């Protein structure tokens, strides 16, 4: 081959393969190289260079060795990483905003960082941090008092389930529908001008709904639906403690009385479910209120005492007194137990899935109804309720109970569900200190 001519890949592969064959025939390496010189017409130095490059063996693509680019002195700077981590955690604890620009400013001041914003971003990501939208509900669910309420609920539910008595869980909840239905999603084509002429239908008047059910279906006479007079989109504001308690007395209890089993009523902690039997006194109460509280608890005191002195006498009784709810006490007096859901855990109430099915049916059929006005709403909603069969209710409850068992195992580790001691049920009026966790109206988001 003429000197200086480019050696092709095929030429080099052929030379390497020929070298292998000759190497097996001759023990003397110099003889092998000499024969390769004659066969391929290249110099010894070129042959040695080709044989050194193993990447041409068997026709593989040549690989060029490139040195790994250094990430610079800041990448492994321990002091910089410590400062950045401390800054992030400090902002989290104080509830302050902490953007990448804030971190760059802090790094330049405290760690004398001279690198780019992009480099610092890569370092922060390498430390395991991500700048993302925070799920506030998830954070709330990790608060100590909510975790405590969750474990208490799971334990009690499983204890009722493992009881020797035939316990029936009754699930109740509120929801809402609009007179003209509501469509959350529609097909759209943004570049089509005809989409601009689509008629936007008003949702119309809102109706608040209250119902209860169990594995066998809805309780037959528990349905309540009424028009919401205000325009507030929060349906919770159209329900109140008086309406709810009247429903419990006139609709829920009569249906429960027809069930030949012990019933446990499962509900959330909405404010209208949680009207207190006795409103707790506060330090701002006047002297006469504090005095009446002490007299009610049989505490003797000198009437000449100042308000602050009376408050100190009342404090131990206030701290030890348990919250008693009007609905809970009423149901207990009728022989029924109440089990309250932990805040932000509506997934433990299967009626939420039932509502989803009912409202899908309602929104799909409300526009085609031959009725008008409020009659249209009542008729279509009744059809939606009838569309939920006892089999569907049973499946929803089973799904929820499976979730409850799984969450118990996650929270309680290796403690087998079968080892949860059975609950000795007493439906007399009693207070449970574990149920006295404060769950104000702001705690419930379901």
Protein backbone atom coordinates (compact mmCIF):
# COMPACT_ATOMS: atom_id res chain seq x y z
CA UNK A 1 0.00 0.00 0.00
CA UNK A 2 1.40 3.42 -0.92
CA UNK A 3 2.80 5.41 1.97
CA UNK A 4 0.46 7.91 3.54
CA UNK A 5 -2.71 6.32 2.13
CA UNK A 6 -5.65 6.13 4.58
CA UNK A 7 -6.18 2.68 6.05
CA UNK A 8 -9.86 1.74 5.99
CA UNK A 9 -11.70 -0.05 8.75
CA UNK A 10 -12.14 -3.18 6.60
CA UNK A 11 -8.42 -3.22 5.87
CA UNK A 12 -7.55 -3.06 9.58
CA UNK A 13 -10.08 -5.78 10.49
CA UNK A 14 -8.69 -8.04 7.76
CA UNK A 15 -5.15 -7.49 9.05
CA UNK A 16 -6.16 -8.33 12.64
CA UNK A 17 -7.97 -11.51 11.55
CA UNK A 18 -5.00 -12.58 9.43
CA UNK A 19 -2.67 -11.94 12.38
CA UNK A 20 -4.76 -14.31 14.51
CA UNK A 21 -4.45 -17.09 11.94
CA UNK A 22 -0.70 -16.63 11.44
CA UNK A 23 -0.11 -16.38 15.18
CA UNK A 24 -1.52 -19.90 15.55
CA UNK A 25 0.78 -21.26 12.82
CA UNK A 26 4.12 -19.63 13.75
CA UNK A 27 5.65 -19.32 17.20
CA UNK A 28 8.12 -16.62 16.16
CA UNK A 29 6.31 -13.25 16.36
CA UNK A 30 8.79 -11.58 14.01
CA UNK A 31 7.95 -14.12 11.30
CA UNK A 32 4.24 -13.31 11.69
CA UNK A 33 4.86 -9.57 11.39
CA UNK A 34 7.10 -10.14 8.35
CA UNK A 35 4.42 -12.12 6.54
CA UNK A 36 1.83 -9.42 7.37
CA UNK A 37 4.21 -6.86 5.81
CA UNK A 38 4.33 -8.84 2.58
CA UNK A 39 0.59 -9.60 2.48
CA UNK A 40 -0.76 -6.12 3.26
CA UNK A 41 2.16 -3.95 2.13
CA UNK A 42 2.37 -1.84 5.28
CA UNK A 43 5.29 -1.11 7.59
CA UNK A 44 5.95 -2.85 10.91
CA UNK A 45 5.14 0.34 12.86
CA UNK A 46 1.73 0.59 11.20
CA UNK A 47 1.00 -3.09 11.95
CA UNK A 48 1.91 -2.64 15.62
CA UNK A 49 -0.33 0.47 15.82
CA UNK A 50 -3.31 -1.41 14.35
CA UNK A 51 -2.82 -4.39 16.69
CA UNK A 52 -2.68 -2.10 19.72
CA UNK A 53 -6.16 -0.73 18.97
CA UNK A 54 -8.34 -3.55 20.24
CA UNK A 55 -11.53 -1.67 19.32
CA UNK A 56 -11.16 -2.77 15.72
CA UNK A 57 -11.29 -6.41 16.74
CA UNK A 58 -14.24 -8.26 15.16
CA UNK A 59 -15.25 -5.08 13.34
CA UNK A 60 -16.26 -3.03 16.43
CA UNK A 61 -16.46 0.77 16.17
CA UNK A 62 -13.33 2.65 17.12
CA UNK A 63 -13.64 4.37 20.50
CA UNK A 64 -11.71 7.46 21.24
CA UNK A 65 -10.64 7.94 24.81
CA UNK A 66 -11.67 11.29 26.18
CA UNK A 67 -10.71 12.56 29.58
CA UNK A 68 -13.65 13.12 31.96
CA UNK A 69 -14.41 16.79 32.23
CA UNK A 70 -13.73 18.10 35.70
CA UNK A 71 -16.74 19.57 37.53
CA UNK A 72 -14.56 22.15 39.14
CA UNK A 73 -13.53 22.80 42.73
CA UNK A 74 -17.03 23.77 43.91
CA UNK A 75 -18.66 20.41 43.12
CA UNK A 76 -17.10 18.56 46.03
CA UNK A 77 -16.84 21.54 48.37
CA UNK A 78 -18.10 20.20 51.71
CA UNK A 79 -18.45 23.65 53.30
CA UNK A 80 -20.65 24.91 50.43
CA UNK A 81 -22.94 21.90 50.66
CA UNK A 82 -23.26 22.29 54.43
CA UNK A 83 -24.24 25.96 54.04
CA UNK A 84 -26.80 25.22 51.33
CA UNK A 85 -28.40 22.37 53.29
CA UNK A 86 -28.56 24.48 56.46
CA UNK A 87 -30.16 27.38 54.56
CA UNK A 88 -32.87 25.17 53.04
CA UNK A 89 -33.80 23.51 56.34
CA UNK A 90 -33.79 26.86 58.15
CA UNK A 91 -36.26 28.31 55.62
CA UNK A 92 -38.48 25.21 55.86
CA UNK A 93 -38.63 25.43 59.65
CA UNK A 94 -39.48 29.15 59.55
CA UNK A 95 -41.99 28.70 56.73
CA UNK A 96 -40.05 31.09 54.51
CA UNK A 97 -39.70 31.03 50.73
CA UNK A 98 -36.35 29.79 49.45
CA UNK A 99 -35.74 30.04 45.71
CA UNK A 100 -32.61 29.21 43.73
CA UNK A 101 -31.76 32.93 43.61
CA UNK A 102 -31.91 33.02 47.42
CA UNK A 103 -29.52 30.06 47.59
CA UNK A 104 -27.09 31.70 45.15
CA UNK A 105 -27.07 34.91 47.21
CA UNK A 106 -26.54 32.96 50.43
CA UNK A 107 -23.76 30.84 48.89
CA UNK A 108 -21.88 33.90 47.66
CA UNK A 109 -22.09 35.62 51.06
CA UNK A 110 -21.47 32.70 53.38
CA UNK A 111 -19.41 30.25 51.31
CA UNK A 112 -17.74 32.74 48.90
CA UNK A 113 -19.23 30.79 45.98
CA UNK A 114 -18.04 32.12 42.62
CA UNK A 115 -19.66 29.58 40.31
CA UNK A 116 -22.71 29.99 38.10
CA UNK A 117 -26.38 29.68 39.03
CA UNK A 118 -26.64 26.55 36.87
CA UNK A 119 -23.73 24.91 38.70
CA UNK A 120 -25.33 25.61 42.08
CA UNK A 121 -28.62 24.15 40.82
CA UNK A 122 -26.82 20.95 39.81
CA UNK A 123 -25.10 20.78 43.21
CA UNK A 124 -28.43 21.21 45.03
CA UNK A 125 -30.01 18.46 42.90
CA UNK A 126 -27.00 16.23 43.58
CA UNK A 127 -27.64 16.78 47.31
CA UNK A 128 -31.09 15.22 46.82
CA UNK A 129 -33.25 18.37 46.83
CA UNK A 130 -36.03 19.10 44.33
CA UNK A 131 -37.91 22.37 43.92
CA UNK A 132 -41.51 21.24 43.47
CA UNK A 133 -45.10 22.05 44.37
CA UNK A 134 -45.89 21.02 47.93
CA UNK A 135 -48.93 18.86 48.71
CA UNK A 136 -50.30 20.71 51.74
CA UNK A 137 -52.73 17.88 52.50
CA UNK A 138 -49.85 15.39 52.72
CA UNK A 139 -47.99 17.68 55.13
CA UNK A 140 -51.09 18.08 57.29
CA UNK A 141 -51.56 14.30 57.41
CA UNK A 142 -48.08 13.97 58.95
CA UNK A 143 -48.86 16.24 61.91
CA UNK A 144 -48.63 14.39 65.22
CA UNK A 145 -52.22 14.88 66.34
CA UNK A 146 -53.56 13.68 62.97
CA UNK A 147 -51.29 10.61 62.96
CA UNK A 148 -52.53 9.89 66.49
CA UNK A 149 -56.15 10.24 65.38
CA UNK A 150 -55.48 8.01 62.36
CA UNK A 151 -53.97 5.18 64.42
CA UNK A 152 -56.84 5.46 66.93
CA UNK A 153 -59.39 5.18 64.12
CA UNK A 154 -57.63 2.20 62.49
CA UNK A 155 -57.35 0.38 65.82
CA UNK A 156 -60.99 0.95 66.76
CA UNK A 157 -62.27 -0.02 63.31
CA UNK A 158 -60.35 -3.29 63.35
CA UNK A 159 -61.42 -3.98 66.92
CA UNK A 160 -65.05 -3.54 65.95
CA UNK A 161 -64.46 -5.73 62.90
CA UNK A 162 -62.87 -8.48 65.05
CA UNK A 163 -65.61 -8.28 67.67
CA UNK A 164 -67.56 -11.43 68.43
CA UNK A 165 -70.76 -9.45 67.87
CA UNK A 166 -72.20 -8.85 64.42
CA UNK A 167 -71.22 -5.21 63.88
CA UNK A 168 -72.60 -3.23 60.93
CA UNK A 169 -70.76 -0.08 59.91
CA UNK A 170 -73.00 2.79 58.80
CA UNK A 171 -71.28 5.41 56.63
CA UNK A 172 -72.79 8.89 56.29
CA UNK A 173 -71.71 12.02 54.45
CA UNK A 174 -72.90 15.13 52.61
CA UNK A 175 -72.40 16.15 48.99
CA UNK A 176 -73.99 18.48 46.44
CA UNK A 177 -75.30 18.68 42.87
CA UNK A 178 -76.29 21.56 40.60
CA UNK A 179 -79.68 22.01 38.98
CA UNK A 180 -78.21 21.89 35.46
CA UNK A 181 -75.39 19.52 36.33
CA UNK A 182 -71.72 20.34 36.13
CA UNK A 183 -69.18 19.38 33.49
CA UNK A 184 -65.61 19.53 34.66
CA UNK A 185 -64.16 18.34 31.34
CA UNK A 186 -65.15 18.92 27.71
CA UNK A 187 -63.56 18.21 24.33
CA UNK A 188 -61.84 21.34 23.08
CA UNK A 189 -59.83 22.27 20.01
CA UNK A 190 -57.97 25.48 20.73
CA UNK A 191 -57.19 26.41 17.12
CA UNK A 192 -60.80 25.95 15.93
CA UNK A 193 -62.82 29.20 15.99
CA UNK A 194 -66.06 27.24 16.15
CA UNK A 195 -65.18 26.41 19.77
CA UNK A 196 -65.79 30.10 20.62
CA UNK A 197 -69.51 29.70 19.86
CA UNK A 198 -70.01 26.84 22.34
CA UNK A 199 -72.77 27.72 24.74
CA UNK A 200 -71.70 27.82 28.37
CA UNK A 201 -74.54 26.38 30.44
CA UNK A 202 -75.07 27.85 33.88
CA UNK A 203 -74.83 25.27 36.66
CA UNK A 204 -77.87 26.83 38.27
CA UNK A 205 -79.16 26.33 41.77
CA UNK A 206 -77.19 24.08 44.10
CA UNK A 207 -78.74 21.26 46.14
CA UNK A 208 -77.16 19.87 49.29
CA UNK A 209 -77.50 16.13 49.91
CA UNK A 210 -77.18 13.97 53.02
CA UNK A 211 -77.45 10.18 53.10
CA UNK A 212 -76.16 7.06 54.82
CA UNK A 213 -75.46 3.50 53.75
CA UNK A 214 -73.70 0.22 54.51
CA UNK A 215 -72.57 -2.94 52.74
CA UNK A 216 -76.15 -3.73 51.77
CA UNK A 217 -76.84 -0.35 50.17
CA UNK A 218 -78.40 2.97 51.14
CA UNK A 219 -80.59 3.07 54.25
CA UNK A 220 -84.09 3.28 52.72
CA UNK A 221 -85.48 6.41 54.42
CA UNK A 222 -82.31 8.42 55.10
CA UNK A 223 -82.11 10.51 51.97
CA UNK A 224 -82.21 14.27 52.42
CA UNK A 225 -81.89 16.82 49.60
CA UNK A 226 -82.66 20.52 49.82
CA UNK A 227 -81.96 23.70 47.88
CA UNK A 228 -79.05 25.86 48.98
CA UNK A 229 -80.18 29.46 49.20
CA UNK A 230 -76.77 31.11 49.36
CA UNK A 231 -74.36 31.49 46.44
CA UNK A 232 -71.28 30.29 48.29
CA UNK A 233 -69.59 27.43 46.43
CA UNK A 234 -68.66 25.76 49.72
CA UNK A 235 -71.60 23.42 50.35
CA UNK A 236 -70.50 22.99 53.98
CA UNK A 237 -71.87 26.47 54.69
CA UNK A 238 -75.41 25.44 53.70
CA UNK A 239 -75.52 22.67 56.30
CA UNK A 240 -75.66 23.38 60.02
CA UNK A 241 -75.78 21.49 63.30
CA UNK A 242 -79.54 21.95 63.69
CA UNK A 243 -80.40 20.44 60.29
CA UNK A 244 -77.97 17.57 60.78
CA UNK A 245 -79.19 16.71 64.30
CA UNK A 246 -82.82 16.79 63.12
CA UNK A 247 -81.89 14.38 60.29
CA UNK A 248 -80.21 12.04 62.80
CA UNK A 249 -83.29 12.02 65.04
CA UNK A 250 -85.99 11.74 62.38
CA UNK A 251 -84.32 9.72 59.62
CA UNK A 252 -81.11 7.96 60.69
CA UNK A 253 -82.14 6.51 64.07
CA UNK A 254 -85.51 5.11 62.84
CA UNK A 255 -83.66 3.25 60.06
CA UNK A 256 -80.99 2.00 62.48
CA UNK A 257 -83.71 0.69 64.79
CA UNK A 258 -84.87 -1.61 61.98
CA UNK A 259 -81.45 -3.29 61.75
CA UNK A 260 -81.13 -6.31 64.00
CA UNK A 261 -77.44 -5.75 64.72
CA UNK A 262 -75.16 -3.44 66.63
CA UNK A 263 -74.38 -0.40 64.49
CA UNK A 264 -71.29 1.79 64.41
CA UNK A 265 -71.86 5.13 62.68
CA UNK A 266 -68.78 6.40 60.80
CA UNK A 267 -68.63 10.14 60.10
CA UNK A 268 -66.11 12.92 59.58
CA UNK A 269 -65.43 15.91 61.83
CA UNK A 270 -67.33 18.59 59.93
CA UNK A 271 -68.41 21.44 62.25
CA UNK A 272 -72.11 20.54 62.00
CA UNK A 273 -71.23 16.98 63.09
CA UNK A 274 -69.24 18.31 66.03
CA UNK A 275 -71.57 20.61 67.95
CA UNK A 276 -70.43 20.42 71.58
CA UNK A 277 -72.80 19.40 74.35
CA UNK A 278 -71.09 21.89 76.62
CA UNK A 279 -69.03 24.74 75.23
CA UNK A 280 -65.66 24.83 77.04
CA UNK A 281 -64.86 27.98 78.97
CA UNK A 282 -61.83 30.07 78.09
CA UNK A 283 -59.64 32.44 80.03
CA UNK A 284 -61.50 35.37 78.49
CA UNK A 285 -64.79 34.24 80.13
CA UNK A 286 -66.13 36.52 82.84
CA UNK A 287 -65.88 35.69 86.54
CA UNK A 288 -69.49 34.49 86.88
CA UNK A 289 -69.02 31.88 84.10
CA UNK A 290 -65.84 30.51 85.71
CA UNK A 291 -67.58 30.43 89.10
CA UNK A 292 -70.53 28.49 87.63
CA UNK A 293 -68.09 26.02 86.07
CA UNK A 294 -66.39 25.41 89.43
CA UNK A 295 -69.73 24.94 91.19
CA UNK A 296 -70.81 22.43 88.53
CA UNK A 297 -67.69 20.38 89.25
CA UNK A 298 -68.18 20.55 93.02
CA UNK A 299 -65.25 22.84 93.73
CA UNK A 300 -65.58 25.00 96.84
CA UNK A 301 -64.00 28.44 96.64
CA UNK A 302 -64.07 31.84 98.24
CA UNK A 303 -66.29 34.20 96.28
CA UNK A 304 -63.88 37.02 97.05
CA UNK A 305 -61.18 35.41 94.88
CA UNK A 306 -60.07 37.30 91.80
CA UNK A 307 -60.81 36.04 88.28
CA UNK A 308 -57.22 34.84 87.69
CA UNK A 309 -57.31 32.90 90.97
CA UNK A 310 -60.60 31.25 89.98
CA UNK A 311 -59.12 30.36 86.59
CA UNK A 312 -56.20 28.56 88.24
CA UNK A 313 -58.71 26.46 90.20
CA UNK A 314 -60.65 25.68 87.02
CA UNK A 315 -57.66 24.82 84.79
CA UNK A 316 -57.14 21.20 85.99
CA UNK A 317 -60.82 20.40 85.37
CA UNK A 318 -60.75 22.02 81.94
CA UNK A 319 -57.66 20.05 80.90
CA UNK A 320 -59.08 16.74 82.12
CA UNK A 321 -62.59 17.26 80.78
CA UNK A 322 -63.37 15.42 77.56
CA UNK A 323 -65.27 16.91 74.65
CA UNK A 324 -68.78 15.56 74.29
CA UNK A 325 -70.65 16.04 71.05
CA UNK A 326 -74.44 16.39 70.86
CA UNK A 327 -74.80 13.80 68.08
CA UNK A 328 -72.44 11.27 69.69
CA UNK A 329 -74.22 11.46 73.05
CA UNK A 330 -77.63 11.14 71.41
CA UNK A 331 -76.64 8.08 69.34
CA UNK A 332 -74.97 6.50 72.38
CA UNK A 333 -78.19 6.96 74.34
CA UNK A 334 -80.01 5.07 71.59
CA UNK A 335 -77.51 2.21 71.75
CA UNK A 336 -75.29 3.11 68.79
CA UNK A 337 -71.55 3.82 68.72
CA UNK A 338 -69.91 6.67 66.78
CA UNK A 339 -66.52 6.30 65.09
CA UNK A 340 -65.04 9.53 63.77
CA UNK A 341 -62.71 9.63 60.77
CA UNK A 342 -59.27 11.20 61.24
CA UNK A 343 -58.99 14.64 59.57
CA UNK A 344 -57.95 14.63 55.88
CA UNK A 345 -58.68 10.90 55.54
CA UNK A 346 -61.97 10.76 53.63
CA UNK A 347 -60.60 7.69 51.81
CA UNK A 348 -61.75 5.67 54.84
CA UNK A 349 -65.37 6.51 54.02
CA UNK A 350 -66.65 4.35 51.10
CA UNK A 351 -69.61 6.66 50.54
CA UNK A 352 -67.15 9.03 48.84
CA UNK A 353 -66.84 6.50 46.00
CA UNK A 354 -70.62 6.09 45.96
CA UNK A 355 -71.00 9.86 45.54
CA UNK A 356 -68.60 9.76 42.61
CA UNK A 357 -70.73 7.16 40.83
CA UNK A 358 -74.01 8.95 41.62
CA UNK A 359 -72.81 12.36 40.46
CA UNK A 360 -71.42 10.96 37.21
CA UNK A 361 -74.85 9.44 36.48
CA UNK A 362 -76.61 12.66 37.50
CA UNK A 363 -74.46 14.99 35.37
CA UNK A 364 -74.84 12.69 32.38
CA UNK A 365 -78.65 12.48 32.55
CA UNK A 366 -79.85 15.78 34.03
CA UNK A 367 -79.98 17.63 30.69
CA UNK A 368 -82.12 14.92 29.07
CA UNK A 369 -84.75 14.80 31.81
CA UNK A 370 -88.34 15.55 30.77
CA UNK A 371 -89.06 17.15 34.13
CA UNK A 372 -88.46 20.79 35.00
CA UNK A 373 -87.43 22.83 38.02
CA UNK A 374 -86.71 21.13 41.32
CA UNK A 375 -88.65 18.03 40.26
CA UNK A 376 -86.00 17.39 37.61
CA UNK A 377 -83.25 17.41 40.24
CA UNK A 378 -85.16 15.14 42.65
CA UNK A 379 -86.13 12.60 39.97
CA UNK A 380 -82.69 12.30 38.36
CA UNK A 381 -80.93 12.15 41.73
CA UNK A 382 -83.28 9.38 42.87
CA UNK A 383 -82.41 7.46 39.70
CA UNK A 384 -78.73 8.02 40.46
CA UNK A 385 -79.17 6.50 43.94
CA UNK A 386 -81.02 3.50 42.52
CA UNK A 387 -78.19 3.03 40.03
CA UNK A 388 -75.87 2.10 42.93
CA UNK A 389 -76.54 -1.57 43.65
CA UNK A 390 -75.89 -3.48 46.87
CA UNK A 391 -73.07 -5.31 45.07
CA UNK A 392 -71.39 -1.99 44.31
CA UNK A 393 -71.78 -0.86 47.93
CA UNK A 394 -70.29 -4.14 49.11
CA UNK A 395 -67.32 -3.73 46.76
CA UNK A 396 -66.71 -0.14 47.87
CA UNK A 397 -66.78 -1.11 51.55
CA UNK A 398 -64.48 -4.09 50.95
CA UNK A 399 -62.04 -1.83 49.10
CA UNK A 400 -62.05 0.63 52.01
CA UNK A 401 -61.55 -2.11 54.61
CA UNK A 402 -58.64 -3.48 52.59
CA UNK A 403 -57.10 0.02 52.65
CA UNK A 404 -57.66 0.25 56.42
CA UNK A 405 -55.86 -3.07 56.97
CA UNK A 406 -52.95 -2.02 54.75
CA UNK A 407 -52.58 1.33 56.53
CA UNK A 408 -52.69 -0.39 59.92
CA UNK A 409 -49.81 -2.64 58.86
CA UNK A 410 -47.84 0.36 57.53
CA UNK A 411 -48.27 2.29 60.78
CA UNK A 412 -47.98 -0.58 63.26
CA UNK A 413 -45.27 -2.63 61.57
CA UNK A 414 -45.29 -6.35 62.31
CA UNK A 415 -48.33 -6.33 64.62
CA UNK A 416 -50.72 -8.78 62.98
CA UNK A 417 -54.31 -7.63 62.57
CA UNK A 418 -55.41 -10.83 64.27
CA UNK A 419 -53.50 -9.73 67.37
CA UNK A 420 -55.59 -6.59 67.74
CA UNK A 421 -57.55 -7.38 70.91
CA UNK A 422 -61.33 -7.62 70.43
CA UNK A 423 -63.30 -4.64 71.67
CA UNK A 424 -65.69 -5.19 74.56
CA UNK A 425 -68.56 -3.05 73.38
CA UNK A 426 -70.46 -0.89 75.82
CA UNK A 427 -72.89 1.59 74.34
CA UNK A 428 -73.39 3.47 77.59
CA UNK A 429 -72.31 7.09 77.85
CA UNK A 430 -68.58 7.15 78.26
CA UNK A 431 -65.61 9.31 77.41
CA UNK A 432 -62.46 8.14 75.73
CA UNK A 433 -59.42 10.32 76.21
CA UNK A 434 -58.10 9.22 72.83
CA UNK A 435 -61.14 10.71 71.12
CA UNK A 436 -60.65 14.10 72.70
CA UNK A 437 -58.23 15.31 70.08
CA UNK A 438 -59.21 18.78 68.98
CA UNK A 439 -60.59 18.66 65.44
CA UNK A 440 -61.89 22.08 64.58
CA UNK A 441 -63.75 23.00 61.43
CA UNK A 442 -60.51 24.00 59.77
CA UNK A 443 -59.13 20.50 60.09
CA UNK A 444 -61.60 18.78 57.80
CA UNK A 445 -60.88 18.96 54.08
CA UNK A 446 -62.79 16.01 52.66
